[in-house]
Amino acid sequence: MKTFTGKVVGKKMTKTAVVEVKTSRTHPLYHKKLLKVRKYHVHDELEAKVDDQVRFVPSRPYSKTKKWRLIEILKGKNS
């Protein structure tokens, strides 16, 4: 099972967090670093806050866009 690590950027929905995951890769010809940013809607039972680093995994669909589940909060603002 693949796990993702990202930063919580939105927390306006109940039991849902919007998590931003940044990945970088090098262009095969030009050797320039490319940054890809993707946002995921994650089911949040642990009540993460904005700017927390979190880890999440794929799970059953909770809604149309929410197919991920939060497993731990890595570091937050107050920790």
N, C-alpha and C. Protein backbone atom coordinates (compact mmCIF):
# COMPACT_ATOMS: atom_id res chain seq x y z
N MET A 1 0.85 -1.17 0.00
CA MET A 1 0.00 0.00 0.00
C MET A 1 0.90 1.24 0.00
N LYS A 2 0.62 2.18 -0.90
CA LYS A 2 1.43 3.38 -1.02
C LYS A 2 0.96 4.43 -0.03
N THR A 3 1.91 5.04 0.67
CA THR A 3 1.56 6.12 1.58
C THR A 3 2.05 7.44 1.00
N PHE A 4 1.33 8.50 1.28
CA PHE A 4 1.67 9.83 0.82
C PHE A 4 1.89 10.73 2.03
N THR A 5 2.76 11.70 1.87
CA THR A 5 3.02 12.68 2.93
C THR A 5 2.81 14.06 2.34
N GLY A 6 2.07 14.89 3.06
CA GLY A 6 1.80 16.23 2.55
C GLY A 6 1.44 17.20 3.66
N LYS A 7 1.09 18.40 3.24
CA LYS A 7 0.77 19.49 4.16
C LYS A 7 -0.71 19.83 4.04
N VAL A 8 -1.38 19.99 5.17
CA VAL A 8 -2.79 20.35 5.18
C VAL A 8 -2.92 21.82 4.80
N VAL A 9 -3.68 22.09 3.74
CA VAL A 9 -3.87 23.46 3.28
C VAL A 9 -5.31 23.94 3.44
N GLY A 10 -6.24 23.02 3.72
CA GLY A 10 -7.63 23.41 3.90
C GLY A 10 -8.32 22.52 4.91
N LYS A 11 -9.18 23.13 5.74
CA LYS A 11 -9.88 22.36 6.77
C LYS A 11 -11.27 22.94 6.99
N LYS A 12 -11.97 23.31 5.92
CA LYS A 12 -13.28 23.95 6.08
C LYS A 12 -14.44 22.96 6.08
N MET A 13 -14.19 21.71 5.67
CA MET A 13 -15.25 20.70 5.64
C MET A 13 -15.17 19.83 6.88
N THR A 14 -16.28 19.25 7.27
CA THR A 14 -16.32 18.39 8.43
C THR A 14 -15.66 17.05 8.12
N LYS A 15 -14.71 16.64 8.96
CA LYS A 15 -13.98 15.38 8.84
C LYS A 15 -13.27 15.23 7.49
N THR A 16 -12.90 16.35 6.88
CA THR A 16 -12.18 16.32 5.61
C THR A 16 -11.05 17.35 5.67
N ALA A 17 -9.89 16.94 5.17
CA ALA A 17 -8.75 17.85 5.07
C ALA A 17 -8.28 17.86 3.63
N VAL A 18 -7.90 19.03 3.13
CA VAL A 18 -7.31 19.14 1.81
C VAL A 18 -5.79 19.14 2.01
N VAL A 19 -5.14 18.11 1.45
CA VAL A 19 -3.71 17.93 1.67
C VAL A 19 -2.98 18.15 0.35
N GLU A 20 -1.92 18.95 0.39
CA GLU A 20 -1.13 19.27 -0.78
C GLU A 20 0.15 18.42 -0.76
N VAL A 21 0.37 17.68 -1.84
CA VAL A 21 1.56 16.83 -1.96
C VAL A 21 2.42 17.38 -3.09
N LYS A 22 3.70 17.64 -2.78
CA LYS A 22 4.63 18.15 -3.78
C LYS A 22 5.60 17.04 -4.17
N THR A 23 5.75 16.81 -5.47
CA THR A 23 6.73 15.85 -5.98
C THR A 23 7.58 16.55 -7.02
N SER A 24 8.85 16.18 -7.06
CA SER A 24 9.73 16.78 -8.05
C SER A 24 10.43 15.68 -8.84
N ARG A 25 10.72 15.99 -10.08
CA ARG A 25 11.45 15.07 -10.93
C ARG A 25 12.30 15.90 -11.88
N THR A 26 13.25 15.26 -12.51
CA THR A 26 14.14 15.93 -13.46
C THR A 26 13.67 15.66 -14.88
N HIS A 27 13.67 16.69 -15.71
CA HIS A 27 13.29 16.54 -17.11
C HIS A 27 14.32 15.65 -17.81
N PRO A 28 13.88 14.66 -18.61
CA PRO A 28 14.83 13.72 -19.20
C PRO A 28 15.81 14.35 -20.19
N LEU A 29 15.41 15.39 -20.90
CA LEU A 29 16.29 16.00 -21.89
C LEU A 29 17.02 17.23 -21.37
N TYR A 30 16.27 18.11 -20.70
CA TYR A 30 16.83 19.40 -20.29
C TYR A 30 17.41 19.38 -18.88
N HIS A 31 17.20 18.34 -18.11
CA HIS A 31 17.75 18.16 -16.76
C HIS A 31 17.37 19.29 -15.81
N LYS A 32 16.18 19.83 -16.02
CA LYS A 32 15.67 20.86 -15.13
C LYS A 32 14.71 20.22 -14.14
N LYS A 33 14.75 20.65 -12.88
CA LYS A 33 13.83 20.10 -11.89
C LYS A 33 12.43 20.64 -12.12
N LEU A 34 11.46 19.74 -12.15
CA LEU A 34 10.06 20.11 -12.31
C LEU A 34 9.33 19.77 -11.02
N LEU A 35 8.52 20.70 -10.53
CA LEU A 35 7.76 20.51 -9.31
C LEU A 35 6.30 20.33 -9.67
N LYS A 36 5.72 19.23 -9.21
CA LYS A 36 4.30 18.97 -9.43
C LYS A 36 3.59 19.03 -8.09
N VAL A 37 2.51 19.80 -8.04
CA VAL A 37 1.74 19.96 -6.82
C VAL A 37 0.35 19.40 -7.06
N ARG A 38 -0.10 18.52 -6.16
CA ARG A 38 -1.42 17.92 -6.31
C ARG A 38 -2.14 17.98 -4.97
N LYS A 39 -3.44 18.22 -5.01
CA LYS A 39 -4.24 18.30 -3.79
C LYS A 39 -5.16 17.09 -3.69
N TYR A 40 -5.27 16.54 -2.50
CA TYR A 40 -6.11 15.39 -2.22
C TYR A 40 -7.10 15.74 -1.12
N HIS A 41 -8.34 15.24 -1.24
CA HIS A 41 -9.31 15.34 -0.17
C HIS A 41 -9.17 14.08 0.67
N VAL A 42 -8.87 14.25 1.95
CA VAL A 42 -8.53 13.14 2.83
C VAL A 42 -9.54 13.07 3.97
N HIS A 43 -10.01 11.86 4.29
CA HIS A 43 -10.90 11.66 5.43
C HIS A 43 -10.09 11.82 6.71
N ASP A 44 -10.53 12.71 7.60
CA ASP A 44 -9.74 13.09 8.76
C ASP A 44 -10.50 12.82 10.05
N GLU A 45 -10.21 11.69 10.70
CA GLU A 45 -10.78 11.38 12.02
C GLU A 45 -9.89 11.93 13.12
N LEU A 46 -8.64 12.26 12.82
CA LEU A 46 -7.68 12.69 13.84
C LEU A 46 -7.70 14.20 14.09
N GLU A 47 -8.48 14.94 13.31
CA GLU A 47 -8.63 16.39 13.45
C GLU A 47 -7.30 17.12 13.30
N ALA A 48 -6.69 17.00 12.13
CA ALA A 48 -5.48 17.75 11.81
C ALA A 48 -5.83 19.22 11.57
N LYS A 49 -4.85 20.09 11.77
CA LYS A 49 -5.06 21.51 11.58
C LYS A 49 -4.29 21.98 10.34
N VAL A 50 -4.59 23.17 9.87
CA VAL A 50 -3.91 23.73 8.71
C VAL A 50 -2.42 23.88 9.04
N ASP A 51 -1.56 23.59 8.07
CA ASP A 51 -0.10 23.62 8.16
C ASP A 51 0.50 22.41 8.86
N ASP A 52 -0.29 21.40 9.23
CA ASP A 52 0.24 20.16 9.79
C ASP A 52 0.80 19.29 8.68
N GLN A 53 1.88 18.57 8.96
CA GLN A 53 2.39 17.55 8.05
C GLN A 53 1.68 16.25 8.39
N VAL A 54 1.09 15.58 7.41
CA VAL A 54 0.31 14.36 7.66
C VAL A 54 0.71 13.26 6.70
N ARG A 55 0.38 12.03 7.07
CA ARG A 55 0.59 10.87 6.21
C ARG A 55 -0.77 10.22 5.98
N PHE A 56 -1.05 9.84 4.70
CA PHE A 56 -2.34 9.24 4.39
C PHE A 56 -2.17 8.11 3.37
N VAL A 57 -3.19 7.25 3.31
CA VAL A 57 -3.17 6.06 2.46
C VAL A 57 -4.48 5.97 1.68
N PRO A 58 -4.49 5.19 0.58
CA PRO A 58 -5.75 4.97 -0.13
C PRO A 58 -6.71 4.14 0.72
N SER A 59 -8.01 4.35 0.54
CA SER A 59 -9.01 3.59 1.28
C SER A 59 -10.28 3.50 0.45
N ARG A 60 -11.32 3.03 1.07
CA ARG A 60 -12.60 2.94 0.38
C ARG A 60 -13.11 4.35 0.08
N PRO A 61 -13.95 4.52 -0.94
CA PRO A 61 -14.47 5.86 -1.23
C PRO A 61 -15.43 6.34 -0.13
N TYR A 62 -15.13 7.48 0.45
CA TYR A 62 -16.01 8.09 1.44
C TYR A 62 -17.01 9.01 0.74
N SER A 63 -16.61 9.56 -0.40
CA SER A 63 -17.50 10.41 -1.21
C SER A 63 -16.95 10.41 -2.63
N LYS A 64 -17.47 11.31 -3.46
CA LYS A 64 -17.04 11.35 -4.87
C LYS A 64 -15.55 11.67 -5.00
N THR A 65 -15.05 12.60 -4.21
CA THR A 65 -13.65 13.01 -4.32
C THR A 65 -12.76 12.50 -3.19
N LYS A 66 -13.37 11.97 -2.13
CA LYS A 66 -12.60 11.59 -0.93
C LYS A 66 -12.37 10.09 -0.91
N LYS A 67 -11.15 9.68 -1.34
CA LYS A 67 -10.81 8.26 -1.42
C LYS A 67 -9.54 7.95 -0.65
N TRP A 68 -9.18 8.80 0.31
CA TRP A 68 -7.96 8.67 1.09
C TRP A 68 -8.29 8.78 2.57
N ARG A 69 -7.45 8.18 3.42
CA ARG A 69 -7.68 8.16 4.86
C ARG A 69 -6.40 8.60 5.57
N LEU A 70 -6.53 9.50 6.51
CA LEU A 70 -5.41 10.00 7.29
C LEU A 70 -4.99 8.95 8.31
N ILE A 71 -3.69 8.65 8.38
CA ILE A 71 -3.24 7.65 9.36
C ILE A 71 -2.43 8.25 10.50
N GLU A 72 -1.72 9.37 10.25
CA GLU A 72 -1.01 10.00 11.36
C GLU A 72 -0.68 11.45 11.04
N ILE A 73 -0.53 12.23 12.12
CA ILE A 73 -0.08 13.60 12.02
C ILE A 73 1.39 13.60 12.39
N LEU A 74 2.26 13.98 11.45
CA LEU A 74 3.69 13.91 11.68
C LEU A 74 4.19 15.06 12.55
N LYS A 75 3.89 16.28 12.17
CA LYS A 75 4.23 17.42 13.02
C LYS A 75 3.26 18.54 12.75
N GLY A 76 2.91 19.24 13.81
CA GLY A 76 1.96 20.31 13.69
C GLY A 76 2.57 21.62 14.13
N LYS A 77 1.74 22.66 14.17
CA LYS A 77 2.20 23.97 14.58
C LYS A 77 2.62 23.98 16.06
N ASN A 78 1.84 23.29 16.90
CA ASN A 78 2.07 23.36 18.34
C ASN A 78 2.95 22.24 18.87
N SER A 79 3.47 21.38 18.01
CA SER A 79 4.29 20.29 18.53
C SER A 79 5.73 20.41 18.11
